[in-house]
Amino acid sequence: MRSTDCVPVAILRLPHGEGLPLPGYASAGAAGMDICAAEPVTLAPGARHAVATGFAVAIPPGYEIQVRPRSGLALRHGIGVPNTPGTIDSDYRGELKVILINHGDAPFSILRGDRIAQLVLAPVVQASWVERSALDETARGAGGFGSTGGVIALGN
């Protein structure tokens, strides 16, 4: 069963979105809503394209929509979202487009109506910077990329 804490999000169907389903959850436990392509596209290996969806949205203040790849497309065809997760800000009112990239070794065709990505509505907390002359110490300190290990085969 879905949470009763649903957040209403206004959606505008654009003319080229006629006949397409609204973004929707594929199962009761799904975190992301599937969204479909409103245009046919063939992505050559290494190519990127901002795929039209046929919808514009009015996200409530204090929220964003994150655009994430579909795992099946990524695993089977190497199709991803290069800026994962992509962010749609609450003050954007243009058409929702999904940037896709073909990491595979063969051209990949997308048909109008194909599910191409997932959308996740997420709360946003904005930061308020407080400049300091020094930061508190931690066990990690300034250890950066790879400093906490994680790849057994590499010995770390």
C-alpha atoms as a PDB file:
ATOM      1  CA  MET A   1       0.000   0.000   0.000  1.00  0.00           C
ATOM      2  CA  ARG A   2       1.255   3.488  -0.860  1.00  0.00           C
ATOM      3  CA  SER A   3       1.876   6.052   1.847  1.00  0.00           C
ATOM      4  CA  THR A   4      -0.987   8.433   2.556  1.00  0.00           C
ATOM      5  CA  ASP A   5       1.563  11.271   2.558  1.00  0.00           C
ATOM      6  CA  CYS A   6       1.335  11.852  -1.202  1.00  0.00           C
ATOM      7  CA  VAL A   7       2.475  15.266  -2.409  1.00  0.00           C
ATOM      8  CA  PRO A   8       0.328  16.706  -5.212  1.00  0.00           C
ATOM      9  CA  VAL A   9       2.384  17.784  -8.236  1.00  0.00           C
ATOM     10  CA  ALA A  10       0.724  19.696 -11.075  1.00  0.00           C
ATOM     11  CA  ILE A  11       1.447  18.241 -14.521  1.00  0.00           C
ATOM     12  CA  LEU A  12       0.766  19.739 -17.936  1.00  0.00           C
ATOM     13  CA  ARG A  13       0.387  17.433 -20.917  1.00  0.00           C
ATOM     14  CA  LEU A  14       1.982  19.090 -23.940  1.00  0.00           C
ATOM     15  CA  PRO A  15       0.536  18.499 -27.433  1.00  0.00           C
ATOM     16  CA  HIS A  16       3.186  15.881 -28.325  1.00  0.00           C
ATOM     17  CA  GLY A  17       2.422  14.066 -25.033  1.00  0.00           C
ATOM     18  CA  GLU A  18      -1.132  13.208 -26.096  1.00  0.00           C
ATOM     19  CA  GLY A  19      -1.851   9.510 -25.655  1.00  0.00           C
ATOM     20  CA  LEU A  20       1.112   8.854 -23.352  1.00  0.00           C
ATOM     21  CA  PRO A  21       0.528   7.625 -19.796  1.00  0.00           C
ATOM     22  CA  LEU A  22       1.250   9.978 -16.920  1.00  0.00           C
ATOM     23  CA  PRO A  23       4.427   9.087 -15.001  1.00  0.00           C
ATOM     24  CA  GLY A  24       3.486   6.227 -12.704  1.00  0.00           C
ATOM     25  CA  TYR A  25       4.689   3.717 -10.151  1.00  0.00           C
ATOM     26  CA  ALA A  26       5.066   0.179 -11.548  1.00  0.00           C
ATOM     27  CA  SER A  27       4.491  -1.467  -8.155  1.00  0.00           C
ATOM     28  CA  ALA A  28       3.206  -0.570  -4.691  1.00  0.00           C
ATOM     29  CA  GLY A  29       6.749  -0.412  -3.290  1.00  0.00           C
ATOM     30  CA  ALA A  30       8.339   1.505  -6.162  1.00  0.00           C
ATOM     31  CA  ALA A  31      10.275   4.643  -5.224  1.00  0.00           C
ATOM     32  CA  GLY A  32      10.460   5.918  -8.796  1.00  0.00           C
ATOM     33  CA  MET A  33       7.773   6.678 -11.355  1.00  0.00           C
ATOM     34  CA  ASP A  34       8.381   5.439 -14.885  1.00  0.00           C
ATOM     35  CA  ILE A  35       8.310   8.108 -17.579  1.00  0.00           C
ATOM     36  CA  CYS A  36       7.996   7.502 -21.308  1.00  0.00           C
ATOM     37  CA  ALA A  37       9.584   8.997 -24.395  1.00  0.00           C
ATOM     38  CA  ALA A  38       7.410  11.321 -26.473  1.00  0.00           C
ATOM     39  CA  GLU A  39       9.677  10.980 -29.511  1.00  0.00           C
ATOM     40  CA  PRO A  40      11.516   8.219 -31.356  1.00  0.00           C
ATOM     41  CA  VAL A  41      15.304   8.403 -31.033  1.00  0.00           C
ATOM     42  CA  THR A  42      18.186   6.163 -32.052  1.00  0.00           C
ATOM     43  CA  LEU A  43      21.268   6.589 -29.862  1.00  0.00           C
ATOM     44  CA  ALA A  44      24.549   5.614 -31.488  1.00  0.00           C
ATOM     45  CA  PRO A  45      27.228   4.189 -29.167  1.00  0.00           C
ATOM     46  CA  GLY A  46      28.590   7.081 -27.107  1.00  0.00           C
ATOM     47  CA  ALA A  47      25.785   9.441 -28.166  1.00  0.00           C
ATOM     48  CA  ARG A  48      23.635  11.566 -25.848  1.00  0.00           C
ATOM     49  CA  HIS A  49      20.187  13.058 -26.424  1.00  0.00           C
ATOM     50  CA  ALA A  50      17.685  15.035 -24.339  1.00  0.00           C
ATOM     51  CA  VAL A  51      14.592  12.910 -24.934  1.00  0.00           C
ATOM     52  CA  ALA A  52      11.255  14.751 -24.887  1.00  0.00           C
ATOM     53  CA  THR A  53       8.579  13.392 -22.506  1.00  0.00           C
ATOM     54  CA  GLY A  54       5.608  15.515 -23.534  1.00  0.00           C
ATOM     55  CA  PHE A  55       5.047  16.879 -20.015  1.00  0.00           C
ATOM     56  CA  ALA A  56       5.870  19.929 -17.918  1.00  0.00           C
ATOM     57  CA  VAL A  57       5.474  19.943 -14.130  1.00  0.00           C
ATOM     58  CA  ALA A  58       5.080  22.421 -11.278  1.00  0.00           C
ATOM     59  CA  ILE A  59       7.019  20.890  -8.399  1.00  0.00           C
ATOM     60  CA  PRO A  60       6.018  22.336  -5.004  1.00  0.00           C
ATOM     61  CA  PRO A  61       8.591  24.531  -3.230  1.00  0.00           C
ATOM     62  CA  GLY A  62      10.819  22.473  -0.949  1.00  0.00           C
ATOM     63  CA  TYR A  63      10.944  19.534  -3.396  1.00  0.00           C
ATOM     64  CA  GLU A  64      12.828  18.436  -6.491  1.00  0.00           C
ATOM     65  CA  ILE A  65      12.302  15.626  -8.953  1.00  0.00           C
ATOM     66  CA  GLN A  66      15.332  13.403  -9.433  1.00  0.00           C
ATOM     67  CA  VAL A  67      15.752  11.710 -12.822  1.00  0.00           C
ATOM     68  CA  ARG A  68      17.321   8.265 -12.588  1.00  0.00           C
ATOM     69  CA  PRO A  69      18.128   5.549 -15.121  1.00  0.00           C
ATOM     70  CA  ARG A  70      16.085   2.376 -15.490  1.00  0.00           C
ATOM     71  CA  SER A  71      18.171  -0.552 -14.287  1.00  0.00           C
ATOM     72  CA  GLY A  72      17.026  -2.914 -17.061  1.00  0.00           C
ATOM     73  CA  LEU A  73      18.098  -0.485 -19.798  1.00  0.00           C
ATOM     74  CA  ALA A  74      21.438   0.032 -18.061  1.00  0.00           C
ATOM     75  CA  LEU A  75      22.154  -3.679 -17.596  1.00  0.00           C
ATOM     76  CA  ARG A  76      20.943  -4.986 -20.949  1.00  0.00           C
ATOM     77  CA  HIS A  77      21.816  -2.101 -23.279  1.00  0.00           C
ATOM     78  CA  GLY A  78      24.192   0.284 -21.473  1.00  0.00           C
ATOM     79  CA  ILE A  79      21.633   3.118 -21.549  1.00  0.00           C
ATOM     80  CA  GLY A  80      22.066   5.575 -18.694  1.00  0.00           C
ATOM     81  CA  VAL A  81      21.432   9.103 -17.470  1.00  0.00           C
ATOM     82  CA  PRO A  82      24.846  10.825 -17.564  1.00  0.00           C
ATOM     83  CA  ASN A  83      24.096  13.354 -14.810  1.00  0.00           C
ATOM     84  CA  THR A  84      22.538  10.830 -12.439  1.00  0.00           C
ATOM     85  CA  PRO A  85      20.566  11.807 -10.593  1.00  0.00           C
ATOM     86  CA  GLY A  86      19.427  14.678 -12.739  1.00  0.00           C
ATOM     87  CA  THR A  87      17.573  17.377 -10.844  1.00  0.00           C
ATOM     88  CA  ILE A  88      14.425  19.198 -11.896  1.00  0.00           C
ATOM     89  CA  ASP A  89      14.102  22.285  -9.699  1.00  0.00           C
ATOM     90  CA  SER A  90      10.803  23.464  -8.248  1.00  0.00           C
ATOM     91  CA  ASP A  91      10.871  26.713 -10.238  1.00  0.00           C
ATOM     92  CA  TYR A  92      11.388  25.085 -13.678  1.00  0.00           C
ATOM     93  CA  ARG A  93       8.296  25.099 -15.884  1.00  0.00           C
ATOM     94  CA  GLY A  94       9.627  23.877 -19.238  1.00  0.00           C
ATOM     95  CA  GLU A  95       9.243  20.439 -20.767  1.00  0.00           C
ATOM     96  CA  LEU A  96      10.712  17.616 -18.728  1.00  0.00           C
ATOM     97  CA  LYS A  97      13.434  16.045 -20.870  1.00  0.00           C
ATOM     98  CA  VAL A  98      15.628  13.089 -19.971  1.00  0.00           C
ATOM     99  CA  ILE A  99      19.279  13.134 -21.015  1.00  0.00           C
ATOM    100  CA  LEU A 100      20.165   9.601 -22.084  1.00  0.00           C
ATOM    101  CA  ILE A 101      23.570   8.232 -23.086  1.00  0.00           C
ATOM    102  CA  ASN A 102      24.405   4.998 -24.862  1.00  0.00           C
ATOM    103  CA  HIS A 103      27.359   3.341 -23.105  1.00  0.00           C
ATOM    104  CA  GLY A 104      26.754   0.179 -25.150  1.00  0.00           C
ATOM    105  CA  ASP A 105      28.495  -1.003 -28.284  1.00  0.00           C
ATOM    106  CA  ALA A 106      25.456  -0.975 -30.602  1.00  0.00           C
ATOM    107  CA  PRO A 107      22.898   1.647 -31.650  1.00  0.00           C
ATOM    108  CA  PHE A 108      19.813   1.663 -29.397  1.00  0.00           C
ATOM    109  CA  SER A 109      16.377   2.663 -30.659  1.00  0.00           C
ATOM    110  CA  ILE A 110      13.790   4.276 -28.415  1.00  0.00           C
ATOM    111  CA  LEU A 111      10.200   4.343 -29.619  1.00  0.00           C
ATOM    112  CA  ARG A 112       7.542   6.850 -28.608  1.00  0.00           C
ATOM    113  CA  GLY A 113       5.918   5.402 -25.478  1.00  0.00           C
ATOM    114  CA  ASP A 114       8.982   3.431 -24.306  1.00  0.00           C
ATOM    115  CA  ARG A 115       9.744   3.779 -20.598  1.00  0.00           C
ATOM    116  CA  ILE A 116      13.103   5.592 -20.500  1.00  0.00           C
ATOM    117  CA  ALA A 117      13.766   6.713 -16.914  1.00  0.00           C
ATOM    118  CA  GLN A 118      12.427   6.983 -13.384  1.00  0.00           C
ATOM    119  CA  LEU A 119      11.365  10.119 -11.541  1.00  0.00           C
ATOM    120  CA  VAL A 120      11.691  10.399  -7.756  1.00  0.00           C
ATOM    121  CA  LEU A 121      10.036  13.257  -5.883  1.00  0.00           C
ATOM    122  CA  ALA A 122      12.391  14.226  -3.043  1.00  0.00           C
ATOM    123  CA  PRO A 123      12.443  16.882  -0.324  1.00  0.00           C
ATOM    124  CA  VAL A 124      15.170  19.519  -0.530  1.00  0.00           C
ATOM    125  CA  VAL A 125      16.910  21.247   2.353  1.00  0.00           C
ATOM    126  CA  GLN A 126      18.838  24.363   1.391  1.00  0.00           C
ATOM    127  CA  ALA A 127      22.163  25.130   3.052  1.00  0.00           C
ATOM    128  CA  SER A 128      23.147  28.294   4.855  1.00  0.00           C
ATOM    129  CA  TRP A 129      26.947  28.716   4.719  1.00  0.00           C
ATOM    130  CA  VAL A 130      28.756  29.637   7.922  1.00  0.00           C
ATOM    131  CA  GLU A 131      32.341  30.595   7.133  1.00  0.00           C
ATOM    132  CA  ARG A 132      34.927  29.505   9.711  1.00  0.00           C
ATOM    133  CA  SER A 133      38.706  29.838  10.072  1.00  0.00           C
ATOM    134  CA  ALA A 134      39.018  26.083  10.841  1.00  0.00           C
ATOM    135  CA  LEU A 135      36.864  22.957  10.806  1.00  0.00           C
ATOM    136  CA  ASP A 136      36.383  20.346  13.532  1.00  0.00           C
ATOM    137  CA  GLU A 137      38.662  17.278  13.422  1.00  0.00           C
ATOM    138  CA  THR A 138      37.409  13.815  12.400  1.00  0.00           C
ATOM    139  CA  ALA A 139      39.019  10.374  12.198  1.00  0.00           C
ATOM    140  CA  ARG A 140      38.972  10.566   8.386  1.00  0.00           C
ATOM    141  CA  GLY A 141      40.301  14.102   8.199  1.00  0.00           C
ATOM    142  CA  ALA A 142      41.142  15.230   4.677  1.00  0.00           C
ATOM    143  CA  GLY A 143      41.338  11.658   3.289  1.00  0.00           C
ATOM    144  CA  GLY A 144      39.672  11.840  -0.117  1.00  0.00           C
ATOM    145  CA  PHE A 145      38.945   9.553  -3.025  1.00  0.00           C
ATOM    146  CA  GLY A 146      39.443   5.917  -2.056  1.00  0.00           C
ATOM    147  CA  SER A 147      40.756   6.744   1.402  1.00  0.00           C
ATOM    148  CA  THR A 148      38.218   4.491   3.118  1.00  0.00           C
ATOM    149  CA  GLY A 149      39.058   1.447   0.952  1.00  0.00           C
ATOM    150  CA  GLY A 150      36.479  -0.805  -0.599  1.00  0.00           C
ATOM    151  CA  VAL A 151      38.095  -2.854  -3.386  1.00  0.00           C
ATOM    152  CA  ILE A 152      39.463  -6.075  -1.910  1.00  0.00           C
ATOM    153  CA  ALA A 153      41.258  -7.078  -5.137  1.00  0.00           C
ATOM    154  CA  LEU A 154      43.279  -3.851  -4.968  1.00  0.00           C
ATOM    155  CA  GLY A 155      44.281  -4.404  -1.372  1.00  0.00           C
ATOM    156  CA  ASN A 156      42.105  -1.611   0.019  1.00  0.00           C
END
